[in-house]
Amino acid sequence: RDEAAAMAPILADRNVNLALELTPATAAPADAGEL
């Protein structure tokens, strides 16, 4: 969700529609910055 919000300028520049289908999911073990 955070990365999708940060992509807003590029999406607007290319006139691309972003469809989100997000359900709760936890990756472990994981590095949040790398993912």
Full PDB file with SEQRES, HELIX, SHEET, SSBOND, CRYST1, ORIGX, SCALE, CONECT and MASTER records, all heavy atoms in Angstrom:
SEQRES   1 A   35  ARG ASP GLU ALA ALA ALA MET ALA PRO ILE LEU ALA ASP          
SEQRES   2 A   35  ARG ASN VAL ASN LEU ALA LEU GLU LEU THR PRO ALA THR          
SEQRES   3 A   35  ALA ALA PRO ALA ASP ALA GLY GLU LEU                          
HELIX    1 AA1 ASP A    2  ALA A    6  1                                   5    
HELIX    2 AA2 ALA A    8  ARG A   14  1                                   7    
CRYST1    1.000    1.000    1.000  90.00  90.00  90.00 P 1           1          
ORIGX1      1.000000  0.000000  0.000000        0.00000                         
ORIGX2      0.000000  1.000000  0.000000        0.00000                         
ORIGX3      0.000000  0.000000  1.000000        0.00000                         
SCALE1      1.000000  0.000000  0.000000        0.00000                         
SCALE2      0.000000  1.000000  0.000000        0.00000                         
SCALE3      0.000000  0.000000  1.000000        0.00000                         
ATOM      1  N   ARG A   1       0.829  -1.201   0.000  1.00  0.00           N  
ATOM      2  CA  ARG A   1       0.000   0.000   0.000  1.00  0.00           C  
ATOM      3  C   ARG A   1       0.876   1.269   0.000  1.00  0.00           C  
ATOM      4  O   ARG A   1       0.600   2.229  -0.738  1.00  0.00           O  
ATOM      5  CB  ARG A   1      -0.919  -0.015   1.224  1.00  0.00           C  
ATOM      6  CG  ARG A   1      -1.982   1.068   1.210  1.00  0.00           C  
ATOM      7  CD  ARG A   1      -2.976   0.873   2.330  1.00  0.00           C  
ATOM      8  NE  ARG A   1      -3.856  -0.279   2.095  1.00  0.00           N  
ATOM      9  CZ  ARG A   1      -3.728  -1.447   2.717  1.00  0.00           C  
ATOM     10  NH1 ARG A   1      -2.788  -1.633   3.623  1.00  0.00           N  
ATOM     11  NH2 ARG A   1      -4.562  -2.439   2.439  1.00  0.00           N  
ATOM     12  N   ASP A   2       1.955   1.254   0.800  1.00  0.00           N  
ATOM     13  CA  ASP A   2       2.848   2.418   0.856  1.00  0.00           C  
ATOM     14  C   ASP A   2       3.557   2.637  -0.481  1.00  0.00           C  
ATOM     15  O   ASP A   2       3.689   3.780  -0.956  1.00  0.00           O  
ATOM     16  CB  ASP A   2       3.880   2.223   1.966  1.00  0.00           C  
ATOM     17  CG  ASP A   2       3.258   2.258   3.357  1.00  0.00           C  
ATOM     18  OD1 ASP A   2       2.116   2.756   3.478  1.00  0.00           O  
ATOM     19  OD2 ASP A   2       3.903   1.778   4.312  1.00  0.00           O  
ATOM     20  N   GLU A   3       4.055   1.559  -1.090  1.00  0.00           N  
ATOM     21  CA  GLU A   3       4.766   1.711  -2.361  1.00  0.00           C  
ATOM     22  C   GLU A   3       3.814   2.139  -3.470  1.00  0.00           C  
ATOM     23  O   GLU A   3       4.198   2.905  -4.363  1.00  0.00           O  
ATOM     24  CB  GLU A   3       5.464   0.394  -2.733  1.00  0.00           C  
ATOM     25  CG  GLU A   3       6.621   0.018  -1.830  1.00  0.00           C  
ATOM     26  CD  GLU A   3       7.701   1.086  -1.805  1.00  0.00           C  
ATOM     27  OE1 GLU A   3       7.963   1.694  -2.866  1.00  0.00           O  
ATOM     28  OE2 GLU A   3       8.270   1.328  -0.727  1.00  0.00           O  
ATOM     29  N   ALA A   4       2.584   1.667  -3.432  1.00  0.00           N  
ATOM     30  CA  ALA A   4       1.604   2.093  -4.436  1.00  0.00           C  
ATOM     31  C   ALA A   4       1.343   3.591  -4.329  1.00  0.00           C  
ATOM     32  O   ALA A   4       1.234   4.290  -5.352  1.00  0.00           O  
ATOM     33  CB  ALA A   4       0.309   1.303  -4.261  1.00  0.00           C  
ATOM     34  N   ALA A   5       1.257   4.114  -3.114  1.00  0.00           N  
ATOM     35  CA  ALA A   5       1.053   5.554  -2.935  1.00  0.00           C  
ATOM     36  C   ALA A   5       2.253   6.342  -3.448  1.00  0.00           C  
ATOM     37  O   ALA A   5       2.101   7.411  -4.063  1.00  0.00           O  
ATOM     38  CB  ALA A   5       0.804   5.858  -1.454  1.00  0.00           C  
ATOM     39  N   ALA A   6       3.468   5.809  -3.241  1.00  0.00           N  
ATOM     40  CA  ALA A   6       4.665   6.521  -3.697  1.00  0.00           C  
ATOM     41  C   ALA A   6       4.782   6.511  -5.219  1.00  0.00           C  
ATOM     42  O   ALA A   6       5.479   7.358  -5.795  1.00  0.00           O  
ATOM     43  CB  ALA A   6       5.911   5.884  -3.078  1.00  0.00           C  
ATOM     44  N   MET A   7       4.107   5.575  -5.898  1.00  0.00           N  
ATOM     45  CA  MET A   7       4.177   5.484  -7.355  1.00  0.00           C  
ATOM     46  C   MET A   7       3.211   6.416  -8.059  1.00  0.00           C  
ATOM     47  O   MET A   7       3.166   6.453  -9.291  1.00  0.00           O  
ATOM     48  CB  MET A   7       3.878   4.038  -7.782  1.00  0.00           C  
ATOM     49  CG  MET A   7       4.987   3.048  -7.510  1.00  0.00           C  
ATOM     50  SD  MET A   7       6.369   3.260  -8.642  1.00  0.00           S  
ATOM     51  CE  MET A   7       5.585   2.841 -10.189  1.00  0.00           C  
ATOM     52  N   ALA A   8       2.424   7.185  -7.317  1.00  0.00           N  
ATOM     53  CA  ALA A   8       1.384   8.031  -7.921  1.00  0.00           C  
ATOM     54  C   ALA A   8       1.915   8.935  -9.037  1.00  0.00           C  
ATOM     55  O   ALA A   8       1.283   9.026 -10.108  1.00  0.00           O  
ATOM     56  CB  ALA A   8       0.700   8.859  -6.838  1.00  0.00           C  
ATOM     57  N   PRO A   9       3.073   9.632  -8.885  1.00  0.00           N  
ATOM     58  CA  PRO A   9       3.539  10.507  -9.980  1.00  0.00           C  
ATOM     59  C   PRO A   9       3.828   9.744 -11.271  1.00  0.00           C  
ATOM     60  O   PRO A   9       3.479  10.208 -12.366  1.00  0.00           O  
ATOM     61  CB  PRO A   9       4.809  11.140  -9.404  1.00  0.00           C  
ATOM     62  CG  PRO A   9       4.639  11.062  -7.925  1.00  0.00           C  
ATOM     63  CD  PRO A   9       3.899   9.786  -7.683  1.00  0.00           C  
ATOM     64  N   ILE A  10       4.454   8.570 -11.167  1.00  0.00           N  
ATOM     65  CA  ILE A  10       4.772   7.792 -12.372  1.00  0.00           C  
ATOM     66  C   ILE A  10       3.492   7.275 -13.015  1.00  0.00           C  
ATOM     67  O   ILE A  10       3.341   7.266 -14.243  1.00  0.00           O  
ATOM     68  CB  ILE A  10       5.723   6.633 -12.026  1.00  0.00           C  
ATOM     69  CG1 ILE A  10       7.043   7.180 -11.473  1.00  0.00           C  
ATOM     70  CG2 ILE A  10       5.982   5.754 -13.234  1.00  0.00           C  
ATOM     71  CD1 ILE A  10       8.023   6.102 -11.056  1.00  0.00           C  
ATOM     72  N   LEU A  11       2.533   6.836 -12.175  1.00  0.00           N  
ATOM     73  CA  LEU A  11       1.260   6.355 -12.708  1.00  0.00           C  
ATOM     74  C   LEU A  11       0.534   7.463 -13.462  1.00  0.00           C  
ATOM     75  O   LEU A  11      -0.023   7.237 -14.549  1.00  0.00           O  
ATOM     76  CB  LEU A  11       0.379   5.836 -11.564  1.00  0.00           C  
ATOM     77  CG  LEU A  11       0.887   4.584 -10.831  1.00  0.00           C  
ATOM     78  CD1 LEU A  11       0.053   4.344  -9.572  1.00  0.00           C  
ATOM     79  CD2 LEU A  11       0.809   3.369 -11.750  1.00  0.00           C  
ATOM     80  N   ALA A  12       0.544   8.655 -12.888  1.00  0.00           N  
ATOM     81  CA  ALA A  12      -0.125   9.780 -13.543  1.00  0.00           C  
ATOM     82  C   ALA A  12       0.573  10.154 -14.848  1.00  0.00           C  
ATOM     83  O   ALA A  12      -0.079  10.478 -15.847  1.00  0.00           O  
ATOM     84  CB  ALA A  12      -0.164  10.975 -12.597  1.00  0.00           C  
ATOM     85  N   ASP A  13       1.899  10.095 -14.859  1.00  0.00           N  
ATOM     86  CA  ASP A  13       2.657  10.460 -16.059  1.00  0.00           C  
ATOM     87  C   ASP A  13       2.362   9.507 -17.207  1.00  0.00           C  
ATOM     88  O   ASP A  13       2.302   9.924 -18.364  1.00  0.00           O  
ATOM     89  CB  ASP A  13       4.157  10.458 -15.725  1.00  0.00           C  
ATOM     90  CG  ASP A  13       4.995  10.926 -16.903  1.00  0.00           C  
ATOM     91  OD1 ASP A  13       4.786  12.063 -17.357  1.00  0.00           O  
ATOM     92  OD2 ASP A  13       5.868  10.140 -17.363  1.00  0.00           O  
ATOM     93  N   ARG A  14       2.184   8.213 -16.897  1.00  0.00           N  
ATOM     94  CA  ARG A  14       1.899   7.237 -17.949  1.00  0.00           C  
ATOM     95  C   ARG A  14       0.406   6.965 -18.097  1.00  0.00           C  
ATOM     96  O   ARG A  14       0.027   6.131 -18.907  1.00  0.00           O  
ATOM     97  CB  ARG A  14       2.612   5.904 -17.619  1.00  0.00           C  
ATOM     98  CG  ARG A  14       4.127   5.995 -17.599  1.00  0.00           C  
ATOM     99  CD  ARG A  14       4.679   6.267 -18.991  1.00  0.00           C  
ATOM    100  NE  ARG A  14       4.280   5.259 -19.953  1.00  0.00           N  
ATOM    101  CZ  ARG A  14       4.951   4.120 -20.168  1.00  0.00           C  
ATOM    102  NH1 ARG A  14       6.055   3.878 -19.471  1.00  0.00           N  
ATOM    103  NH2 ARG A  14       4.524   3.253 -21.076  1.00  0.00           N  
ATOM    104  N   ASN A  15      -0.414   7.656 -17.313  1.00  0.00           N  
ATOM    105  CA  ASN A  15      -1.871   7.475 -17.374  1.00  0.00           C  
ATOM    106  C   ASN A  15      -2.250   6.013 -17.144  1.00  0.00           C  
ATOM    107  O   ASN A  15      -3.077   5.437 -17.856  1.00  0.00           O  
ATOM    108  CB  ASN A  15      -2.418   7.961 -18.724  1.00  0.00           C  
ATOM    109  CG  ASN A  15      -3.934   8.077 -18.713  1.00  0.00           C  
ATOM    110  OD1 ASN A  15      -4.543   8.300 -17.654  1.00  0.00           O  
ATOM    111  ND2 ASN A  15      -4.555   7.913 -19.881  1.00  0.00           N  
ATOM    112  N   VAL A  16      -1.612   5.408 -16.129  1.00  0.00           N  
ATOM    113  CA  VAL A  16      -1.837   3.997 -15.825  1.00  0.00           C  
ATOM    114  C   VAL A  16      -2.720   3.891 -14.598  1.00  0.00           C  
ATOM    115  O   VAL A  16      -2.530   4.597 -13.602  1.00  0.00           O  
ATOM    116  CB  VAL A  16      -0.494   3.268 -15.585  1.00  0.00           C  
ATOM    117  CG1 VAL A  16      -0.733   1.849 -15.072  1.00  0.00           C  
ATOM    118  CG2 VAL A  16       0.314   3.226 -16.876  1.00  0.00           C  
ATOM    119  N   ASN A  17      -3.680   2.999 -14.656  1.00  0.00           N  
ATOM    120  CA  ASN A  17      -4.555   2.743 -13.521  1.00  0.00           C  
ATOM    121  C   ASN A  17      -3.978   1.594 -12.692  1.00  0.00           C  
ATOM    122  O   ASN A  17      -3.630   0.539 -13.234  1.00  0.00           O  
ATOM    123  CB  ASN A  17      -5.954   2.379 -14.009  1.00  0.00           C  
ATOM    124  CG  ASN A  17      -6.886   2.034 -12.860  1.00  0.00           C  
ATOM    125  OD1 ASN A  17      -6.986   2.786 -11.891  1.00  0.00           O  
ATOM    126  ND2 ASN A  17      -7.542   0.893 -12.963  1.00  0.00           N  
ATOM    127  N   LEU A  18      -3.879   1.797 -11.367  1.00  0.00           N  
ATOM    128  CA  LEU A  18      -3.343   0.771 -10.472  1.00  0.00           C  
ATOM    129  C   LEU A  18      -4.488   0.167  -9.665  1.00  0.00           C  
ATOM    130  O   LEU A  18      -5.165   0.866  -8.904  1.00  0.00           O  
ATOM    131  CB  LEU A  18      -2.293   1.367  -9.530  1.00  0.00           C  
ATOM    132  CG  LEU A  18      -1.668   0.391  -8.526  1.00  0.00           C  
ATOM    133  CD1 LEU A  18      -0.955  -0.748  -9.239  1.00  0.00           C  
ATOM    134  CD2 LEU A  18      -0.697   1.123  -7.597  1.00  0.00           C  
ATOM    135  N   ALA A  19      -4.701  -1.132  -9.836  1.00  0.00           N  
ATOM    136  CA  ALA A  19      -5.739  -1.849  -9.096  1.00  0.00           C  
ATOM    137  C   ALA A  19      -5.093  -2.637  -7.967  1.00  0.00           C  
ATOM    138  O   ALA A  19      -4.175  -3.441  -8.191  1.00  0.00           O  
ATOM    139  CB  ALA A  19      -6.492  -2.789 -10.032  1.00  0.00           C  
ATOM    140  N   LEU A  20      -5.558  -2.409  -6.736  1.00  0.00           N  
ATOM    141  CA  LEU A  20      -4.993  -3.062  -5.561  1.00  0.00           C  
ATOM    142  C   LEU A  20      -5.922  -4.158  -5.054  1.00  0.00           C  
ATOM    143  O   LEU A  20      -7.131  -3.965  -4.950  1.00  0.00           O  
ATOM    144  CB  LEU A  20      -4.758  -2.036  -4.441  1.00  0.00           C  
ATOM    145  CG  LEU A  20      -3.793  -0.896  -4.749  1.00  0.00           C  
ATOM    146  CD1 LEU A  20      -3.687   0.036  -3.545  1.00  0.00           C  
ATOM    147  CD2 LEU A  20      -2.427  -1.419  -5.125  1.00  0.00           C  
ATOM    148  N   GLU A  21      -5.344  -5.314  -4.745  1.00  0.00           N  
ATOM    149  CA  GLU A  21      -6.070  -6.423  -4.118  1.00  0.00           C  
ATOM    150  C   GLU A  21      -5.213  -6.925  -2.962  1.00  0.00           C  
ATOM    151  O   GLU A  21      -4.412  -7.848  -3.111  1.00  0.00           O  
ATOM    152  CB  GLU A  21      -6.329  -7.547  -5.137  1.00  0.00           C  
ATOM    153  CG  GLU A  21      -7.158  -7.108  -6.331  1.00  0.00           C  
ATOM    154  CD  GLU A  21      -7.244  -8.198  -7.388  1.00  0.00           C  
ATOM    155  OE1 GLU A  21      -6.714  -9.297  -7.144  1.00  0.00           O  
ATOM    156  OE2 GLU A  21      -7.823  -7.936  -8.462  1.00  0.00           O  
ATOM    157  N   LEU A  22      -5.350  -6.283  -1.820  1.00  0.00           N  
ATOM    158  CA  LEU A  22      -4.449  -6.526  -0.697  1.00  0.00           C  
ATOM    159  C   LEU A  22      -5.207  -7.151   0.466  1.00  0.00           C  
ATOM    160  O   LEU A  22      -6.222  -6.610   0.923  1.00  0.00           O  
ATOM    161  CB  LEU A  22      -3.802  -5.212  -0.227  1.00  0.00           C  
ATOM    162  CG  LEU A  22      -3.107  -4.380  -1.319  1.00  0.00           C  
ATOM    163  CD1 LEU A  22      -2.540  -3.099  -0.728  1.00  0.00           C  
ATOM    164  CD2 LEU A  22      -2.017  -5.188  -1.996  1.00  0.00           C  
ATOM    165  N   THR A  23      -4.734  -8.286   0.913  1.00  0.00           N  
ATOM    166  CA  THR A  23      -5.270  -8.928   2.117  1.00  0.00           C  
ATOM    167  C   THR A  23      -4.128  -9.092   3.109  1.00  0.00           C  
ATOM    168  O   THR A  23      -2.955  -9.183   2.715  1.00  0.00           O  
ATOM    169  CB  THR A  23      -5.877 -10.304   1.796  1.00  0.00           C  
ATOM    170  OG1 THR A  23      -4.875 -11.115   1.179  1.00  0.00           O  
ATOM    171  CG2 THR A  23      -7.062 -10.158   0.861  1.00  0.00           C  
ATOM    172  N   PRO A  24      -4.416  -9.133   4.412  1.00  0.00           N  
ATOM    173  CA  PRO A  24      -3.340  -9.219   5.415  1.00  0.00           C  
ATOM    174  C   PRO A  24      -2.445 -10.441   5.182  1.00  0.00           C  
ATOM    175  O   PRO A  24      -2.925 -11.562   5.037  1.00  0.00           O  
ATOM    176  CB  PRO A  24      -4.090  -9.319   6.739  1.00  0.00           C  
ATOM    177  CG  PRO A  24      -5.411  -8.672   6.470  1.00  0.00           C  
ATOM    178  CD  PRO A  24      -5.742  -9.001   5.046  1.00  0.00           C  
ATOM    179  N   ALA A  25      -1.143 -10.193   5.127  1.00  0.00           N  
ATOM    180  CA  ALA A  25      -0.164 -11.267   4.928  1.00  0.00           C  
ATOM    181  C   ALA A  25       1.170 -10.808   5.506  1.00  0.00           C  
ATOM    182  O   ALA A  25       1.588  -9.671   5.268  1.00  0.00           O  
ATOM    183  CB  ALA A  25      -0.015 -11.613   3.449  1.00  0.00           C  
ATOM    184  N   THR A  26       1.818 -11.675   6.262  1.00  0.00           N  
ATOM    185  CA  THR A  26       3.079 -11.344   6.916  1.00  0.00           C  
ATOM    186  C   THR A  26       4.170 -12.276   6.415  1.00  0.00           C  
ATOM    187  O   THR A  26       4.042 -13.500   6.500  1.00  0.00           O  
ATOM    188  CB  THR A  26       2.964 -11.482   8.448  1.00  0.00           C  
ATOM    189  OG1 THR A  26       1.949 -10.599   8.916  1.00  0.00           O  
ATOM    190  CG2 THR A  26       4.286 -11.136   9.127  1.00  0.00           C  
ATOM    191  N   ALA A  27       5.233 -11.691   5.883  1.00  0.00           N  
ATOM    192  CA  ALA A  27       6.399 -12.470   5.452  1.00  0.00           C  
ATOM    193  C   ALA A  27       7.357 -12.614   6.622  1.00  0.00           C  
ATOM    194  O   ALA A  27       7.654 -11.639   7.314  1.00  0.00           O  
ATOM    195  CB  ALA A  27       7.099 -11.787   4.287  1.00  0.00           C  
ATOM    196  N   ALA A  28       7.837 -13.819   6.857  1.00  0.00           N  
ATOM    197  CA  ALA A  28       8.774 -14.067   7.965  1.00  0.00           C  
ATOM    198  C   ALA A  28       9.578 -15.328   7.665  1.00  0.00           C  
ATOM    199  O   ALA A  28       9.008 -16.339   7.235  1.00  0.00           O  
ATOM    200  CB  ALA A  28       8.001 -14.228   9.283  1.00  0.00           C  
ATOM    201  N   PRO A  29      10.915 -15.262   7.875  1.00  0.00           N  
ATOM    202  CA  PRO A  29      11.695 -14.082   8.230  1.00  0.00           C  
ATOM    203  C   PRO A  29      11.814 -13.133   7.037  1.00  0.00           C  
ATOM    204  O   PRO A  29      11.795 -13.600   5.899  1.00  0.00           O  
ATOM    205  CB  PRO A  29      13.055 -14.675   8.612  1.00  0.00           C  
ATOM    206  CG  PRO A  29      13.152 -15.919   7.812  1.00  0.00           C  
ATOM    207  CD  PRO A  29      11.759 -16.475   7.712  1.00  0.00           C  
ATOM    208  N   ALA A  30      11.920 -11.856   7.328  1.00  0.00           N  
ATOM    209  CA  ALA A  30      11.899 -10.892   6.235  1.00  0.00           C  
ATOM    210  C   ALA A  30      12.584  -9.606   6.642  1.00  0.00           C  
ATOM    211  O   ALA A  30      12.629  -9.241   7.819  1.00  0.00           O  
ATOM    212  CB  ALA A  30      10.459 -10.608   5.814  1.00  0.00           C  
ATOM    213  N   ASP A  31      13.108  -8.906   5.627  1.00  0.00           N  
ATOM    214  CA  ASP A  31      13.662  -7.560   5.781  1.00  0.00           C  
ATOM    215  C   ASP A  31      12.694  -6.621   5.074  1.00  0.00           C  
ATOM    216  O   ASP A  31      12.538  -6.675   3.842  1.00  0.00           O  
ATOM    217  CB  ASP A  31      15.060  -7.496   5.160  1.00  0.00           C  
ATOM    218  CG  ASP A  31      15.709  -6.134   5.328  1.00  0.00           C  
ATOM    219  OD1 ASP A  31      15.122  -5.138   4.855  1.00  0.00           O  
ATOM    220  OD2 ASP A  31      16.798  -6.052   5.929  1.00  0.00           O  
ATOM    221  N   ALA A  32      12.016  -5.765   5.834  1.00  0.00           N  
ATOM    222  CA  ALA A  32      10.965  -4.912   5.267  1.00  0.00           C  
ATOM    223  C   ALA A  32      11.519  -3.988   4.186  1.00  0.00           C  
ATOM    224  O   ALA A  32      10.874  -3.771   3.152  1.00  0.00           O  
ATOM    225  CB  ALA A  32      10.300  -4.098   6.385  1.00  0.00           C  
ATOM    226  N   GLY A  33      12.714  -3.441   4.392  1.00  0.00           N  
ATOM    227  CA  GLY A  33      13.295  -2.538   3.399  1.00  0.00           C  
ATOM    228  C   GLY A  33      13.549  -3.228   2.078  1.00  0.00           C  
ATOM    229  O   GLY A  33      13.277  -2.677   0.997  1.00  0.00           O  
ATOM    230  N   GLU A  34      14.062  -4.464   2.121  1.00  0.00           N  
ATOM    231  CA  GLU A  34      14.334  -5.189   0.882  1.00  0.00           C  
ATOM    232  C   GLU A  34      13.040  -5.573   0.168  1.00  0.00           C  
ATOM    233  O   GLU A  34      12.949  -5.486  -1.062  1.00  0.00           O  
ATOM    234  CB  GLU A  34      15.167  -6.435   1.173  1.00  0.00           C  
ATOM    235  CG  GLU A  34      16.596  -6.120   1.589  1.00  0.00           C  
ATOM    236  CD  GLU A  34      17.440  -7.370   1.732  1.00  0.00           C  
ATOM    237  OE1 GLU A  34      16.896  -8.479   1.570  1.00  0.00           O  
ATOM    238  OE2 GLU A  34      18.659  -7.245   1.997  1.00  0.00           O  
ATOM    239  N   LEU A  35      12.020  -5.989   0.919  1.00  0.00           N  
ATOM    240  CA  LEU A  35      10.757  -6.350   0.277  1.00  0.00           C  
ATOM    241  C   LEU A  35      10.060  -5.133  -0.317  1.00  0.00           C  
ATOM    242  O   LEU A  35       9.401  -5.231  -1.358  1.00  0.00           O  
ATOM    243  CB  LEU A  35       9.843  -7.052   1.284  1.00  0.00           C  
ATOM    244  CG  LEU A  35      10.323  -8.430   1.749  1.00  0.00           C  
ATOM    245  CD1 LEU A  35       9.280  -9.075   2.654  1.00  0.00           C  
ATOM    246  CD2 LEU A  35      10.629  -9.336   0.566  1.00  0.00           C  
TER     247      LEU A  35                                                      
MASTER        0    0    0    2    0    0    0    6  246    1    0    3          
END                                                                             
